[in-house]
Amino acid sequence: MVLPEKDMGARVAQNLVSKNILDYIELSPKYSIIEIIAPSSWVHQSLKQLNVRVKYGINIMAIKKAKTINVSPKADDMIEEGDVLVVIGANEDIARVGNIE
């Protein structure tokens, strides 16, 4: 059953919790996908250097740059200022990432 009001409510709530989160899709009560502005502390670092899977329990599925989108980022891909990251993970892990500066 699709409940658009519930889905929109979850999106609004998630956006209120974090200023960096642009969009939020709940996959299940425990897992979500978000679009997040790359935290400034991640800028000029590669995915390998960030090691987000180990440090935060999340996976970066895509990196959106000004006019392109990389839907299969590699370990050596760099995060730049203004990048938008498409992230998947457990809601509690995503919440931590949404508050990184």
PDB file of N, CA and C in Angstrom:
ATOM      1  N   MET A   1       0.842  -1.179   0.000  1.00  0.00           N
ATOM      2  CA  MET A   1       0.000   0.000   0.000  1.00  0.00           C
ATOM      3  C   MET A   1       0.890   1.247   0.000  1.00  0.00           C
ATOM      4  N   VAL A   2       0.600   2.171  -0.871  1.00  0.00           N
ATOM      5  CA  VAL A   2       1.354   3.413  -0.983  1.00  0.00           C
ATOM      6  C   VAL A   2       0.662   4.491  -0.152  1.00  0.00           C
ATOM      7  N   LEU A   3       1.437   5.128   0.708  1.00  0.00           N
ATOM      8  CA  LEU A   3       0.908   6.201   1.548  1.00  0.00           C
ATOM      9  C   LEU A   3       1.732   7.458   1.288  1.00  0.00           C
ATOM     10  N   PRO A   4       1.350   8.265   0.289  1.00  0.00           N
ATOM     11  CA  PRO A   4       2.163   9.429  -0.068  1.00  0.00           C
ATOM     12  C   PRO A   4       2.337  10.419   1.077  1.00  0.00           C
ATOM     13  N   GLU A   5       1.329  10.558   1.923  1.00  0.00           N
ATOM     14  CA  GLU A   5       1.447  11.486   3.053  1.00  0.00           C
ATOM     15  C   GLU A   5       2.521  11.020   4.027  1.00  0.00           C
ATOM     16  N   LYS A   6       2.584   9.710   4.269  1.00  0.00           N
ATOM     17  CA  LYS A   6       3.602   9.167   5.173  1.00  0.00           C
ATOM     18  C   LYS A   6       4.990   9.349   4.576  1.00  0.00           C
ATOM     19  N   ASP A   7       5.122   9.055   3.284  1.00  0.00           N
ATOM     20  CA  ASP A   7       6.413   9.210   2.613  1.00  0.00           C
ATOM     21  C   ASP A   7       6.873  10.663   2.660  1.00  0.00           C
ATOM     22  N   MET A   8       5.975  11.582   2.355  1.00  0.00           N
ATOM     23  CA  MET A   8       6.331  12.997   2.374  1.00  0.00           C
ATOM     24  C   MET A   8       6.660  13.441   3.792  1.00  0.00           C
ATOM     25  N   GLY A   9       5.934  12.957   4.766  1.00  0.00           N
ATOM     26  CA  GLY A   9       6.220  13.290   6.159  1.00  0.00           C
ATOM     27  C   GLY A   9       7.610  12.845   6.573  1.00  0.00           C
ATOM     28  N   ALA A  10       7.998  11.650   6.145  1.00  0.00           N
ATOM     29  CA  ALA A  10       9.342  11.154   6.457  1.00  0.00           C
ATOM     30  C   ALA A  10      10.397  12.023   5.791  1.00  0.00           C
ATOM     31  N   ARG A  11      10.162  12.439   4.560  1.00  0.00           N
ATOM     32  CA  ARG A  11      11.118  13.304   3.849  1.00  0.00           C
ATOM     33  C   ARG A  11      11.265  14.651   4.546  1.00  0.00           C
ATOM     34  N   VAL A  12      10.148  15.244   4.903  1.00  0.00           N
ATOM     35  CA  VAL A  12      10.194  16.540   5.578  1.00  0.00           C
ATOM     36  C   VAL A  12      10.914  16.419   6.909  1.00  0.00           C
ATOM     37  N   ALA A  13      10.604  15.379   7.673  1.00  0.00           N
ATOM     38  CA  ALA A  13      11.258  15.178   8.965  1.00  0.00           C
ATOM     39  C   ALA A  13      12.759  15.015   8.794  1.00  0.00           C
ATOM     40  N   GLN A  14      13.172  14.232   7.821  1.00  0.00           N
ATOM     41  CA  GLN A  14      14.602  14.015   7.587  1.00  0.00           C
ATOM     42  C   GLN A  14      15.280  15.317   7.183  1.00  0.00           C
ATOM     43  N   ASN A  15      14.633  16.121   6.355  1.00  0.00           N
ATOM     44  CA  ASN A  15      15.213  17.393   5.934  1.00  0.00           C
ATOM     45  C   ASN A  15      15.336  18.375   7.095  1.00  0.00           C
ATOM     46  N   LEU A  16      14.432  18.316   8.040  1.00  0.00           N
ATOM     47  CA  LEU A  16      14.497  19.195   9.199  1.00  0.00           C
ATOM     48  C   LEU A  16      15.635  18.801  10.127  1.00  0.00           C
ATOM     49  N   VAL A  17      15.970  17.529  10.161  1.00  0.00           N
ATOM     50  CA  VAL A  17      17.016  17.036  11.043  1.00  0.00           C
ATOM     51  C   VAL A  17      18.394  17.431  10.534  1.00  0.00           C
ATOM     52  N   SER A  18      18.586  17.494   9.237  1.00  0.00           N
ATOM     53  CA  SER A  18      19.891  17.788   8.662  1.00  0.00           C
ATOM     54  C   SER A  18      19.790  18.796   7.539  1.00  0.00           C
ATOM     55  N   LYS A  19      20.625  19.818   7.595  1.00  0.00           N
ATOM     56  CA  LYS A  19      20.634  20.832   6.541  1.00  0.00           C
ATOM     57  C   LYS A  19      21.299  20.332   5.278  1.00  0.00           C
ATOM     58  N   ASN A  20      22.090  19.251   5.345  1.00  0.00           N
ATOM     59  CA  ASN A  20      22.826  18.743   4.189  1.00  0.00           C
ATOM     60  C   ASN A  20      22.009  17.793   3.318  1.00  0.00           C
ATOM     61  N   ILE A  21      20.936  17.234   3.846  1.00  0.00           N
ATOM     62  CA  ILE A  21      20.157  16.247   3.106  1.00  0.00           C
ATOM     63  C   ILE A  21      19.206  16.943   2.137  1.00  0.00           C
ATOM     64  N   LEU A  22      19.325  16.574   0.849  1.00  0.00           N
ATOM     65  CA  LEU A  22      18.488  17.167  -0.192  1.00  0.00           C
ATOM     66  C   LEU A  22      17.245  16.337  -0.475  1.00  0.00           C
ATOM     67  N   ASP A  23      17.379  15.020  -0.417  1.00  0.00           N
ATOM     68  CA  ASP A  23      16.247  14.138  -0.683  1.00  0.00           C
ATOM     69  C   ASP A  23      16.420  12.854   0.112  1.00  0.00           C
ATOM     70  N   TYR A  24      15.311  12.169   0.335  1.00  0.00           N
ATOM     71  CA  TYR A  24      15.278  11.009   1.216  1.00  0.00           C
ATOM     72  C   TYR A  24      14.255  10.016   0.693  1.00  0.00           C
ATOM     73  N   ILE A  25      14.676   8.774   0.499  1.00  0.00           N
ATOM     74  CA  ILE A  25      13.765   7.717   0.073  1.00  0.00           C
ATOM     75  C   ILE A  25      13.874   6.573   1.075  1.00  0.00           C
ATOM     76  N   GLU A  26      12.787   6.271   1.737  1.00  0.00           N
ATOM     77  CA  GLU A  26      12.774   5.165   2.696  1.00  0.00           C
ATOM     78  C   GLU A  26      12.571   3.862   1.938  1.00  0.00           C
ATOM     79  N   LEU A  27      13.539   2.957   2.061  1.00  0.00           N
ATOM     80  CA  LEU A  27      13.424   1.647   1.422  1.00  0.00           C
ATOM     81  C   LEU A  27      12.653   0.671   2.296  1.00  0.00           C
ATOM     82  N   SER A  28      12.854   0.798   3.595  1.00  0.00           N
ATOM     83  CA  SER A  28      12.172  -0.027   4.591  1.00  0.00           C
ATOM     84  C   SER A  28      12.231   0.766   5.893  1.00  0.00           C
ATOM     85  N   PRO A  29      11.628   0.263   6.955  1.00  0.00           N
ATOM     86  CA  PRO A  29      11.717   1.004   8.217  1.00  0.00           C
ATOM     87  C   PRO A  29      13.157   1.182   8.724  1.00  0.00           C
ATOM     88  N   LYS A  30      14.086   0.363   8.228  1.00  0.00           N
ATOM     89  CA  LYS A  30      15.472   0.444   8.720  1.00  0.00           C
ATOM     90  C   LYS A  30      16.478   1.017   7.722  1.00  0.00           C
ATOM     91  N   TYR A  31      16.150   1.054   6.433  1.00  0.00           N
ATOM     92  CA  TYR A  31      17.121   1.449   5.412  1.00  0.00           C
ATOM     93  C   TYR A  31      16.563   2.517   4.484  1.00  0.00           C
ATOM     94  N   SER A  32      17.467   3.416   4.038  1.00  0.00           N
ATOM     95  CA  SER A  32      17.056   4.518   3.166  1.00  0.00           C
ATOM     96  C   SER A  32      18.159   4.859   2.178  1.00  0.00           C
ATOM     97  N   ILE A  33      17.768   5.653   1.190  1.00  0.00           N
ATOM     98  CA  ILE A  33      18.700   6.271   0.257  1.00  0.00           C
ATOM     99  C   ILE A  33      18.528   7.773   0.434  1.00  0.00           C
ATOM    100  N   ILE A  34      19.651   8.498   0.482  1.00  0.00           N
ATOM    101  CA  ILE A  34      19.569   9.954   0.581  1.00  0.00           C
ATOM    102  C   ILE A  34      20.453  10.600  -0.479  1.00  0.00           C
ATOM    103  N   GLU A  35      20.116  11.835  -0.802  1.00  0.00           N
ATOM    104  CA  GLU A  35      21.002  12.708  -1.555  1.00  0.00           C
ATOM    105  C   GLU A  35      21.498  13.736  -0.553  1.00  0.00           C
ATOM    106  N   ILE A  36      22.808  13.876  -0.481  1.00  0.00           N
ATOM    107  CA  ILE A  36      23.400  14.770   0.500  1.00  0.00           C
ATOM    108  C   ILE A  36      24.478  15.619  -0.154  1.00  0.00           C
ATOM    109  N   ILE A  37      24.552  16.873   0.239  1.00  0.00           N
ATOM    110  CA  ILE A  37      25.651  17.721  -0.204  1.00  0.00           C
ATOM    111  C   ILE A  37      26.913  17.201   0.476  1.00  0.00           C
ATOM    112  N   ALA A  38      27.972  17.035  -0.293  1.00  0.00           N
ATOM    113  CA  ALA A  38      29.217  16.509   0.257  1.00  0.00           C
ATOM    114  C   ALA A  38      29.681  17.371   1.430  1.00  0.00           C
ATOM    115  N   PRO A  39      29.896  16.760   2.594  1.00  0.00           N
ATOM    116  CA  PRO A  39      30.404  17.526   3.736  1.00  0.00           C
ATOM    117  C   PRO A  39      31.753  18.168   3.395  1.00  0.00           C
ATOM    118  N   SER A  40      31.975  19.367   3.895  1.00  0.00           N
ATOM    119  CA  SER A  40      33.229  20.068   3.587  1.00  0.00           C
ATOM    120  C   SER A  40      34.451  19.286   4.058  1.00  0.00           C
ATOM    121  N   SER A  41      34.301  18.505   5.111  1.00  0.00           N
ATOM    122  CA  SER A  41      35.440  17.710   5.603  1.00  0.00           C
ATOM    123  C   SER A  41      35.790  16.564   4.658  1.00  0.00           C
ATOM    124  N   TRP A  42      34.925  16.254   3.692  1.00  0.00           N
ATOM    125  CA  TRP A  42      35.182  15.193   2.722  1.00  0.00           C
ATOM    126  C   TRP A  42      35.768  15.718   1.411  1.00  0.00           C
ATOM    127  N   VAL A  43      35.735  17.036   1.210  1.00  0.00           N
ATOM    128  CA  VAL A  43      36.186  17.642  -0.041  1.00  0.00           C
ATOM    129  C   VAL A  43      37.685  17.408  -0.233  1.00  0.00           C
ATOM    130  N   HIS A  44      38.066  17.117  -1.478  1.00  0.00           N
ATOM    131  CA  HIS A  44      39.450  16.843  -1.899  1.00  0.00           C
ATOM    132  C   HIS A  44      39.971  15.512  -1.351  1.00  0.00           C
ATOM    133  N   GLN A  45      39.065  14.607  -1.033  1.00  0.00           N
ATOM    134  CA  GLN A  45      39.452  13.269  -0.601  1.00  0.00           C
ATOM    135  C   GLN A  45      38.816  12.247  -1.539  1.00  0.00           C
ATOM    136  N   SER A  46      39.501  11.140  -1.715  1.00  0.00           N
ATOM    137  CA  SER A  46      38.951  10.054  -2.531  1.00  0.00           C
ATOM    138  C   SER A  46      38.032   9.202  -1.671  1.00  0.00           C
ATOM    139  N   LEU A  47      37.209   8.394  -2.335  1.00  0.00           N
ATOM    140  CA  LEU A  47      36.343   7.473  -1.595  1.00  0.00           C
ATOM    141  C   LEU A  47      37.190   6.504  -0.776  1.00  0.00           C
ATOM    142  N   LYS A  48      38.327   6.122  -1.319  1.00  0.00           N
ATOM    143  CA  LYS A  48      39.226   5.221  -0.591  1.00  0.00           C
ATOM    144  C   LYS A  48      39.723   5.880   0.697  1.00  0.00           C
ATOM    145  N   GLN A  49      40.114   7.141   0.608  1.00  0.00           N
ATOM    146  CA  GLN A  49      40.587   7.859   1.795  1.00  0.00           C
ATOM    147  C   GLN A  49      39.474   8.015   2.827  1.00  0.00           C
ATOM    148  N   LEU A  50      38.270   8.286   2.350  1.00  0.00           N
ATOM    149  CA  LEU A  50      37.147   8.492   3.264  1.00  0.00           C
ATOM    150  C   LEU A  50      36.741   7.211   3.972  1.00  0.00           C
ATOM    151  N   ASN A  51      36.828   6.079   3.262  1.00  0.00           N
ATOM    152  CA  ASN A  51      36.522   4.773   3.851  1.00  0.00           C
ATOM    153  C   ASN A  51      35.153   4.772   4.553  1.00  0.00           C
ATOM    154  N   VAL A  52      34.144   5.326   3.861  1.00  0.00           N
ATOM    155  CA  VAL A  52      32.828   5.517   4.483  1.00  0.00           C
ATOM    156  C   VAL A  52      32.132   4.217   4.860  1.00  0.00           C
ATOM    157  N   ARG A  53      32.398   3.164   4.143  1.00  0.00           N
ATOM    158  CA  ARG A  53      31.750   1.883   4.466  1.00  0.00           C
ATOM    159  C   ARG A  53      32.174   1.407   5.854  1.00  0.00           C
ATOM    160  N   VAL A  54      33.449   1.561   6.171  1.00  0.00           N
ATOM    161  CA  VAL A  54      33.954   1.127   7.478  1.00  0.00           C
ATOM    162  C   VAL A  54      33.629   2.152   8.562  1.00  0.00           C
ATOM    163  N   LYS A  55      33.870   3.446   8.268  1.00  0.00           N
ATOM    164  CA  LYS A  55      33.691   4.489   9.280  1.00  0.00           C
ATOM    165  C   LYS A  55      32.234   4.775   9.618  1.00  0.00           C
ATOM    166  N   TYR A  56      31.360   4.721   8.595  1.00  0.00           N
ATOM    167  CA  TYR A  56      29.974   5.147   8.792  1.00  0.00           C
ATOM    168  C   TYR A  56      28.929   4.083   8.478  1.00  0.00           C
ATOM    169  N   GLY A  57      29.322   2.960   7.882  1.00  0.00           N
ATOM    170  CA  GLY A  57      28.376   1.899   7.547  1.00  0.00           C
ATOM    171  C   GLY A  57      27.485   2.225   6.371  1.00  0.00           C
ATOM    172  N   ILE A  58      27.925   3.148   5.507  1.00  0.00           N
ATOM    173  CA  ILE A  58      27.125   3.551   4.344  1.00  0.00           C
ATOM    174  C   ILE A  58      27.873   3.235   3.062  1.00  0.00           C
ATOM    175  N   ASN A  59      27.159   3.284   1.950  1.00  0.00           N
ATOM    176  CA  ASN A  59      27.765   3.142   0.629  1.00  0.00           C
ATOM    177  C   ASN A  59      27.376   4.340  -0.218  1.00  0.00           C
ATOM    178  N   ILE A  60      28.349   4.877  -0.961  1.00  0.00           N
ATOM    179  CA  ILE A  60      28.077   5.956  -1.897  1.00  0.00           C
ATOM    180  C   ILE A  60      27.779   5.317  -3.242  1.00  0.00           C
ATOM    181  N   MET A  61      26.537   5.459  -3.688  1.00  0.00           N
ATOM    182  CA  MET A  61      26.073   4.830  -4.930  1.00  0.00           C
ATOM    183  C   MET A  61      26.367   5.677  -6.154  1.00  0.00           C
ATOM    184  N   ALA A  62      26.404   7.001  -5.979  1.00  0.00           N
ATOM    185  CA  ALA A  62      26.616   7.895  -7.109  1.00  0.00           C
ATOM    186  C   ALA A  62      27.160   9.224  -6.603  1.00  0.00           C
ATOM    187  N   ILE A  63      27.884   9.901  -7.499  1.00  0.00           N
ATOM    188  CA  ILE A  63      28.383  11.247  -7.229  1.00  0.00           C
ATOM    189  C   ILE A  63      27.887  12.143  -8.355  1.00  0.00           C
ATOM    190  N   LYS A  64      27.102  13.155  -7.976  1.00  0.00           N
ATOM    191  CA  LYS A  64      26.614  14.127  -8.954  1.00  0.00           C
ATOM    192  C   LYS A  64      27.518  15.345  -8.911  1.00  0.00           C
ATOM    193  N   LYS A  65      28.107  15.663 -10.047  1.00  0.00           N
ATOM    194  CA  LYS A  65      28.908  16.875 -10.178  1.00  0.00           C
ATOM    195  C   LYS A  65      28.077  17.865 -10.971  1.00  0.00           C
ATOM    196  N   ALA A  66      28.598  19.025 -11.256  1.00  0.00           N
ATOM    197  CA  ALA A  66      27.833  20.104 -11.901  1.00  0.00           C
ATOM    198  C   ALA A  66      26.945  19.619 -13.042  1.00  0.00           C
ATOM    199  N   LYS A  67      27.517  18.942 -14.041  1.00  0.00           N
ATOM    200  CA  LYS A  67      26.728  18.536 -15.204  1.00  0.00           C
ATOM    201  C   LYS A  67      26.795  17.043 -15.475  1.00  0.00           C
ATOM    202  N   THR A  68      27.382  16.290 -14.572  1.00  0.00           N
ATOM    203  CA  THR A  68      27.523  14.847 -14.791  1.00  0.00           C
ATOM    204  C   THR A  68      27.106  14.081 -13.548  1.00  0.00           C
ATOM    205  N   ILE A  69      26.871  12.796 -13.763  1.00  0.00           N
ATOM    206  CA  ILE A  69      26.613  11.898 -12.635  1.00  0.00           C
ATOM    207  C   ILE A  69      27.404  10.617 -12.854  1.00  0.00           C
ATOM    208  N   ASN A  70      28.127  10.227 -11.832  1.00  0.00           N
ATOM    209  CA  ASN A  70      28.907   8.992 -11.847  1.00  0.00           C
ATOM    210  C   ASN A  70      28.120   7.963 -11.032  1.00  0.00           C
ATOM    211  N   VAL A  71      27.477   7.022 -11.713  1.00  0.00           N
ATOM    212  CA  VAL A  71      26.600   6.070 -11.029  1.00  0.00           C
ATOM    213  C   VAL A  71      27.341   4.833 -10.525  1.00  0.00           C
ATOM    214  N   SER A  72      28.625   4.799 -10.752  1.00  0.00           N
ATOM    215  CA  SER A  72      29.421   3.688 -10.245  1.00  0.00           C
ATOM    216  C   SER A  72      30.801   4.197  -9.834  1.00  0.00           C
ATOM    217  N   PRO A  73      30.831   5.024  -8.763  1.00  0.00           N
ATOM    218  CA  PRO A  73      32.108   5.624  -8.385  1.00  0.00           C
ATOM    219  C   PRO A  73      33.126   4.567  -7.943  1.00  0.00           C
ATOM    220  N   LYS A  74      34.365   4.840  -8.276  1.00  0.00           N
ATOM    221  CA  LYS A  74      35.473   3.956  -7.925  1.00  0.00           C
ATOM    222  C   LYS A  74      36.206   4.512  -6.706  1.00  0.00           C
ATOM    223  N   ALA A  75      37.030   3.715  -6.097  1.00  0.00           N
ATOM    224  CA  ALA A  75      37.738   4.097  -4.873  1.00  0.00           C
ATOM    225  C   ALA A  75      38.591   5.350  -5.054  1.00  0.00           C
ATOM    226  N   ASP A  76      39.135   5.562  -6.249  1.00  0.00           N
ATOM    227  CA  ASP A  76      40.005   6.708  -6.490  1.00  0.00           C
ATOM    228  C   ASP A  76      39.255   7.984  -6.877  1.00  0.00           C
ATOM    229  N   ASP A  77      37.932   7.913  -7.043  1.00  0.00           N
ATOM    230  CA  ASP A  77      37.162   9.108  -7.381  1.00  0.00           C
ATOM    231  C   ASP A  77      37.198  10.097  -6.216  1.00  0.00           C
ATOM    232  N   MET A  78      37.395  11.369  -6.584  1.00  0.00           N
ATOM    233  CA  MET A  78      37.537  12.432  -5.582  1.00  0.00           C
ATOM    234  C   MET A  78      36.203  13.142  -5.342  1.00  0.00           C
ATOM    235  N   ILE A  79      36.004  13.546  -4.111  1.00  0.00           N
ATOM    236  CA  ILE A  79      34.858  14.375  -3.743  1.00  0.00           C
ATOM    237  C   ILE A  79      35.306  15.827  -3.867  1.00  0.00           C
ATOM    238  N   GLU A  80      34.499  16.628  -4.554  1.00  0.00           N
ATOM    239  CA  GLU A  80      34.815  18.044  -4.733  1.00  0.00           C
ATOM    240  C   GLU A  80      33.704  18.887  -4.119  1.00  0.00           C
ATOM    241  N   GLU A  81      34.024  20.135  -3.856  1.00  0.00           N
ATOM    242  CA  GLU A  81      33.050  21.053  -3.277  1.00  0.00           C
ATOM    243  C   GLU A  81      31.827  21.146  -4.184  1.00  0.00           C
ATOM    244  N   GLY A  82      30.653  21.060  -3.609  1.00  0.00           N
ATOM    245  CA  GLY A  82      29.410  21.150  -4.350  1.00  0.00           C
ATOM    246  C   GLY A  82      28.892  19.831  -4.881  1.00  0.00           C
ATOM    247  N   ASP A  83      29.663  18.758  -4.734  1.00  0.00           N
ATOM    248  CA  ASP A  83      29.186  17.446  -5.175  1.00  0.00           C
ATOM    249  C   ASP A  83      27.982  17.024  -4.344  1.00  0.00           C
ATOM    250  N   VAL A  84      27.083  16.303  -5.001  1.00  0.00           N
ATOM    251  CA  VAL A  84      25.936  15.707  -4.319  1.00  0.00           C
ATOM    252  C   VAL A  84      26.156  14.203  -4.335  1.00  0.00           C
ATOM    253  N   LEU A  85      26.067  13.583  -3.177  1.00  0.00           N
ATOM    254  CA  LEU A  85      26.310  12.150  -3.034  1.00  0.00           C
ATOM    255  C   LEU A  85      24.987  11.421  -2.843  1.00  0.00           C
ATOM    256  N   VAL A  86      24.831  10.316  -3.552  1.00  0.00           N
ATOM    257  CA  VAL A  86      23.676   9.445  -3.362  1.00  0.00           C
ATOM    258  C   VAL A  86      24.160   8.304  -2.482  1.00  0.00           C
ATOM    259  N   VAL A  87      23.593   8.226  -1.289  1.00  0.00           N
ATOM    260  CA  VAL A  87      24.082   7.333  -0.243  1.00  0.00           C
ATOM    261  C   VAL A  87      22.988   6.360   0.166  1.00  0.00           C
ATOM    262  N   ILE A  88      23.367   5.113   0.410  1.00  0.00           N
ATOM    263  CA  ILE A  88      22.442   4.098   0.911  1.00  0.00           C
ATOM    264  C   ILE A  88      22.997   3.533   2.209  1.00  0.00           C
ATOM    265  N   GLY A  89      22.090   3.230   3.134  1.00  0.00           N
ATOM    266  CA  GLY A  89      22.527   2.632   4.384  1.00  0.00           C
ATOM    267  C   GLY A  89      21.402   2.538   5.393  1.00  0.00           C
ATOM    268  N   ALA A  90      21.764   2.085   6.574  1.00  0.00           N
ATOM    269  CA  ALA A  90      20.813   2.007   7.686  1.00  0.00           C
ATOM    270  C   ALA A  90      20.473   3.427   8.134  1.00  0.00           C
ATOM    271  N   ASN A  91      19.240   3.640   8.520  1.00  0.00           N
ATOM    272  CA  ASN A  91      18.786   4.981   8.895  1.00  0.00           C
ATOM    273  C   ASN A  91      19.640   5.606   9.989  1.00  0.00           C
ATOM    274  N   GLU A  92      20.060   4.829  10.973  1.00  0.00           N
ATOM    275  CA  GLU A  92      20.878   5.399  12.057  1.00  0.00           C
ATOM    276  C   GLU A  92      22.244   5.840  11.541  1.00  0.00           C
ATOM    277  N   ASP A  93      22.811   5.110  10.587  1.00  0.00           N
ATOM    278  CA  ASP A  93      24.094   5.494  10.002  1.00  0.00           C
ATOM    279  C   ASP A  93      23.931   6.724   9.116  1.00  0.00           C
ATOM    280  N   ILE A  94      22.860   6.754   8.351  1.00  0.00           N
ATOM    281  CA  ILE A  94      22.582   7.910   7.492  1.00  0.00           C
ATOM    282  C   ILE A  94      22.380   9.164   8.330  1.00  0.00           C
ATOM    283  N   ALA A  95      21.715   9.051   9.453  1.00  0.00           N
ATOM    284  CA  ALA A  95      21.493  10.203  10.323  1.00  0.00           C
ATOM    285  C   ALA A  95      22.823  10.804  10.787  1.00  0.00           C
ATOM    286  N   ARG A  96      23.789   9.951  11.108  1.00  0.00           N
ATOM    287  CA  ARG A  96      25.117  10.445  11.518  1.00  0.00           C
ATOM    288  C   ARG A  96      25.794  11.182  10.370  1.00  0.00           C
ATOM    289  N   VAL A  97      25.710  10.625   9.181  1.00  0.00           N
ATOM    290  CA  VAL A  97      26.351  11.230   8.013  1.00  0.00           C
ATOM    291  C   VAL A  97      25.696  12.568   7.684  1.00  0.00           C
ATOM    292  N   GLY A  98      24.406  12.671   7.860  1.00  0.00           N
ATOM    293  CA  GLY A  98      23.690  13.908   7.563  1.00  0.00           C
ATOM    294  C   GLY A  98      24.104  15.068   8.426  1.00  0.00           C
ATOM    295  N   ASN A  99      24.775  14.807   9.518  1.00  0.00           N
ATOM    296  CA  ASN A  99      25.191  15.877  10.435  1.00  0.00           C
ATOM    297  C   ASN A  99      26.680  16.178  10.379  1.00  0.00           C
ATOM    298  N   ILE A 100      27.403  15.571   9.455  1.00  0.00           N
ATOM    299  CA  ILE A 100      28.833  15.841   9.302  1.00  0.00           C
ATOM    300  C   ILE A 100      28.990  17.192   8.622  1.00  0.00           C
ATOM    301  N   GLU A 101      29.903  17.982   9.117  1.00  0.00           N
ATOM    302  CA  GLU A 101      30.185  19.294   8.507  1.00  0.00           C
ATOM    303  C   GLU A 101      31.279  19.173   7.492  1.00  0.00           C
TER     304      GLU A 101
END
